[in-house]
Protein backbone atom coordinates (compact mmCIF):
# COMPACT_ATOMS: atom_id res chain seq x y z
CA MET A 1 -1.14 19.88 28.93
CA GLN A 2 -3.30 18.37 25.97
CA LYS A 3 -1.96 19.84 23.39
CA LYS A 4 2.18 18.84 24.93
CA LYS A 5 0.38 15.06 25.11
CA ASN A 6 -1.13 15.48 21.45
CA SER A 7 2.81 16.86 20.42
CA ASN A 8 4.59 13.96 22.03
CA THR A 9 1.97 11.45 20.86
CA ASN A 10 2.84 12.55 17.22
CA ILE A 11 6.49 12.93 17.78
CA LYS A 12 6.27 9.49 19.01
CA TRP A 13 4.34 7.88 15.77
CA ALA A 14 6.70 9.95 13.31
CA ILE A 15 9.44 8.21 14.89
CA GLN A 16 7.80 4.92 15.17
CA ALA A 17 6.56 5.41 10.90
CA PHE A 18 10.14 6.22 10.10
CA ALA A 19 11.23 3.25 11.71
CA LEU A 20 8.10 0.54 9.76
CA THR A 21 8.83 2.65 6.52
CA PHE A 22 13.13 1.92 7.13
CA VAL A 23 12.82 -1.14 7.78
CA LEU A 24 9.69 -2.78 5.50
CA SER A 25 11.36 -0.52 2.57
CA SER A 26 15.14 -2.37 3.03
CA ILE A 27 13.49 -5.91 2.91
CA VAL A 28 10.85 -5.14 0.25
CA SER A 29 13.63 -3.64 -1.83
CA PHE A 30 15.76 -6.60 -1.22
CA ILE A 31 13.69 -9.17 -1.60
CA SER A 32 12.39 -7.60 -5.02
CA ASN A 33 15.49 -6.45 -6.03
CA ASN A 34 17.65 -9.31 -5.71
CA GLY A 35 14.70 -11.45 -6.99
CA VAL A 36 14.20 -9.37 -9.79
CA GLU A 37 17.69 -9.62 -10.92
CA LYS A 38 17.74 -13.22 -11.44
CA LEU A 39 14.76 -13.73 -13.10
CA ASN A 40 13.62 -13.45 -16.80
CA LEU A 41 11.82 -10.68 -18.45
CA PHE A 42 8.85 -11.40 -18.61
CA SER A 43 8.64 -12.52 -14.68
CA SER A 44 10.51 -8.77 -13.66
CA ILE A 45 7.36 -7.28 -15.31
CA ILE A 46 4.83 -9.94 -13.77
CA ILE A 47 6.65 -8.49 -10.58
CA LEU A 48 6.62 -4.54 -11.21
CA ILE A 49 2.41 -5.41 -12.09
CA VAL A 50 2.42 -7.06 -8.50
CA VAL A 51 3.83 -4.49 -6.81
CA ILE A 52 2.07 -1.69 -8.47
CA LEU A 53 -0.99 -3.36 -7.78
CA ILE A 54 -0.23 -3.33 -3.95
CA GLY A 55 0.39 -0.04 -3.89
CA ILE A 56 -3.03 0.51 -5.57
CA LEU A 57 -4.86 -1.78 -3.36
CA PHE A 58 -3.56 -0.57 -0.20
CA ASP A 59 -3.43 3.31 -1.29
CA MET A 60 -7.43 2.14 -1.46
CA LEU A 61 -7.78 0.56 2.37
CA GLY A 62 -6.18 4.23 3.34
CA ILE A 63 -9.22 6.12 1.92
CA ALA A 64 -11.69 3.51 2.61
CA VAL A 65 -11.03 3.26 6.27
CA THR A 66 -11.29 7.44 6.16
CA VAL A 67 -14.24 7.59 4.91
CA ALA A 68 -16.65 4.94 5.51
CA PRO A 69 -18.87 5.09 8.35
CA GLU A 70 -18.73 3.50 12.30
CA ASP A 71 -22.03 3.76 12.82
CA ASP A 72 -22.57 0.65 10.20
CA PHE A 73 -19.84 -1.48 11.90
CA ASN A 74 -21.37 -0.49 15.39
CA ALA A 75 -24.59 -2.48 14.22
CA LYS A 76 -22.76 -5.51 12.94
CA ALA A 77 -20.43 -5.36 16.33
CA THR A 78 -23.43 -5.78 18.22
CA LYS A 79 -24.89 -8.51 15.97
CA LYS A 80 -21.22 -10.12 16.23
CA ALA A 81 -20.59 -10.17 12.83
CA LYS A 82 -17.39 -11.56 11.92
CA GLY A 83 -14.62 -8.75 11.50
CA ALA A 84 -16.97 -6.33 12.76
CA LYS A 85 -14.64 -5.78 15.88
CA SER A 86 -11.26 -5.83 13.67
CA SER A 87 -13.23 -3.14 11.31
CA LEU A 88 -14.20 -0.95 14.01
CA MET A 89 -10.61 -0.78 15.67
CA LEU A 90 -9.39 0.13 11.65
CA ILE A 91 -11.90 2.97 11.29
CA LYS A 92 -11.20 4.48 15.13
CA ASN A 93 -7.23 4.34 14.03
CA SER A 94 -7.96 5.46 10.57
CA SER A 95 -5.19 8.74 10.46
CA LYS A 96 -2.45 6.22 11.36
CA VAL A 97 -4.01 3.07 9.10
CA ALA A 98 -4.30 5.53 6.28
CA ASN A 99 -1.05 6.80 6.86
CA ILE A 100 0.73 3.23 7.19
CA CYS A 101 -1.71 2.34 3.81
CA ALA A 102 -0.95 4.80 1.84
CA ASP A 103 1.77 6.20 2.76
CA VAL A 104 4.29 3.60 4.26
CA ILE A 105 3.28 0.64 2.10
CA GLY A 106 2.32 3.15 -1.18
CA ASP A 107 5.33 5.06 -1.19
CA ILE A 108 8.03 2.03 -0.44
CA CYS A 109 5.78 0.14 -3.43
CA GLY A 110 6.83 3.35 -5.40
CA VAL A 111 10.26 3.39 -4.75
CA VAL A 112 10.48 -0.29 -5.51
CA SER A 113 8.21 0.28 -8.68
CA GLY A 114 10.88 2.35 -9.93
CA ALA A 115 13.60 0.45 -8.74
CA ILE A 116 12.50 -2.54 -10.51
CA SER A 117 11.33 -0.33 -14.00
CA ALA A 118 15.29 0.20 -13.50
CA MET A 119 16.54 -3.33 -13.50
CA ILE A 120 13.93 -4.11 -16.53
CA VAL A 121 15.34 -1.63 -18.32
CA LEU A 122 18.90 -2.76 -18.50
CA LYS A 123 17.37 -5.91 -19.24
CA ILE A 124 15.78 -4.85 -22.33
CA VAL A 125 19.39 -3.00 -23.22
CA SER A 126 21.08 -5.84 -22.77
CA ILE A 127 18.79 -8.19 -24.48
CA TYR A 128 17.58 -6.32 -27.47
CA ASN A 129 20.58 -4.39 -27.96
CA ILE A 130 18.81 -0.92 -27.91
CA SER A 131 19.67 2.16 -26.37
CA ASN A 132 18.94 2.61 -22.78
CA ASN A 133 16.40 6.06 -23.70
CA ILE A 134 13.55 3.70 -23.39
CA GLN A 135 14.08 4.45 -19.43
CA PHE A 136 11.92 7.42 -20.17
CA ILE A 137 9.03 5.44 -21.52
CA ILE A 138 9.16 2.54 -18.96
CA SER A 139 9.55 5.41 -16.05
CA ALA A 140 6.16 7.39 -17.58
CA LEU A 141 4.26 4.23 -18.30
CA VAL A 142 5.25 2.92 -14.88
CA ALA A 143 3.93 6.33 -13.25
CA SER A 144 1.31 6.49 -15.05
CA LEU A 145 0.11 2.97 -14.46
CA THR A 146 0.55 3.52 -10.53
CA VAL A 147 -1.15 7.47 -10.31
CA SER A 148 -4.04 6.42 -12.63
CA GLY A 149 -5.03 3.31 -10.29
CA LYS A 150 -4.76 4.70 -7.40
CA ALA A 151 -6.91 7.67 -8.78
CA LEU A 152 -9.27 4.96 -9.90
CA GLY A 153 -8.89 3.20 -7.06
CA LYS A 154 -9.87 5.78 -4.73
CA GLU A 155 -13.51 6.71 -6.14
CA VAL A 156 -13.83 2.45 -6.00
CA ALA A 157 -12.52 3.17 -2.09
CA LYS A 158 -15.29 5.92 -1.52
CA ARG A 159 -17.98 4.03 -2.96
CA ASN A 160 -17.52 1.07 -1.13
CA SER A 161 -15.91 1.95 1.96
CA THR A 162 -18.10 -0.15 4.05
CA GLN A 163 -16.93 -3.49 2.45
CA ILE A 164 -13.79 -2.83 1.86
CA VAL A 165 -13.30 -2.39 5.61
CA HIS A 166 -15.34 -5.39 6.58
CA MET A 167 -13.34 -7.21 4.11
CA VAL A 168 -10.20 -6.76 5.54
CA GLY A 169 -11.94 -6.54 9.05
CA LYS A 170 -12.76 -10.60 8.39
CA ILE A 171 -8.95 -10.86 7.09
CA ILE A 172 -7.73 -9.28 10.34
CA SER A 173 -10.06 -11.05 12.53
CA ASN A 174 -8.90 -14.72 11.37
CA PHE A 175 -5.91 -13.28 13.20
CA LYS A 176 -7.15 -12.69 16.13
CA ASN A 177 -9.53 -14.06 18.69
CA GLU A 178 -12.57 -12.13 17.41
């Protein structure tokens, strides 16, 4: 009976993750693509960097919640430290939080950064009248920044998981009555 319940829960979560990803991806893609289309080259590059950084930061949070020790937050919650209850909620739901942060948001940022980089290539080609073969360099640069940023972020998240989760817990607690 427990296996069937877990299976149904996993299927339900997968459907929810699909819907969440579809909606968020549509919104973020629409806003960033339409926004970048109207911006100059410099502003477009800044937006691209911000999207890459968002992907890295959410990947870090996904790692941090999976490795942060729950005991640290039980002690903080006992002392009624701001954000401790929210931090515990994140840790107790670490697989879903990690999935949303690293997979949903991280992957959306990856796709959006690819689309933005393609628009940047079009801007560069039209402004400087050069071959669109620059797309390979821009794509490789975006991928390299993303992968190396996430690699560094994972190490930071593992070493500072308690502080990262607590900081996010404090932010969440501002929106809750904690």
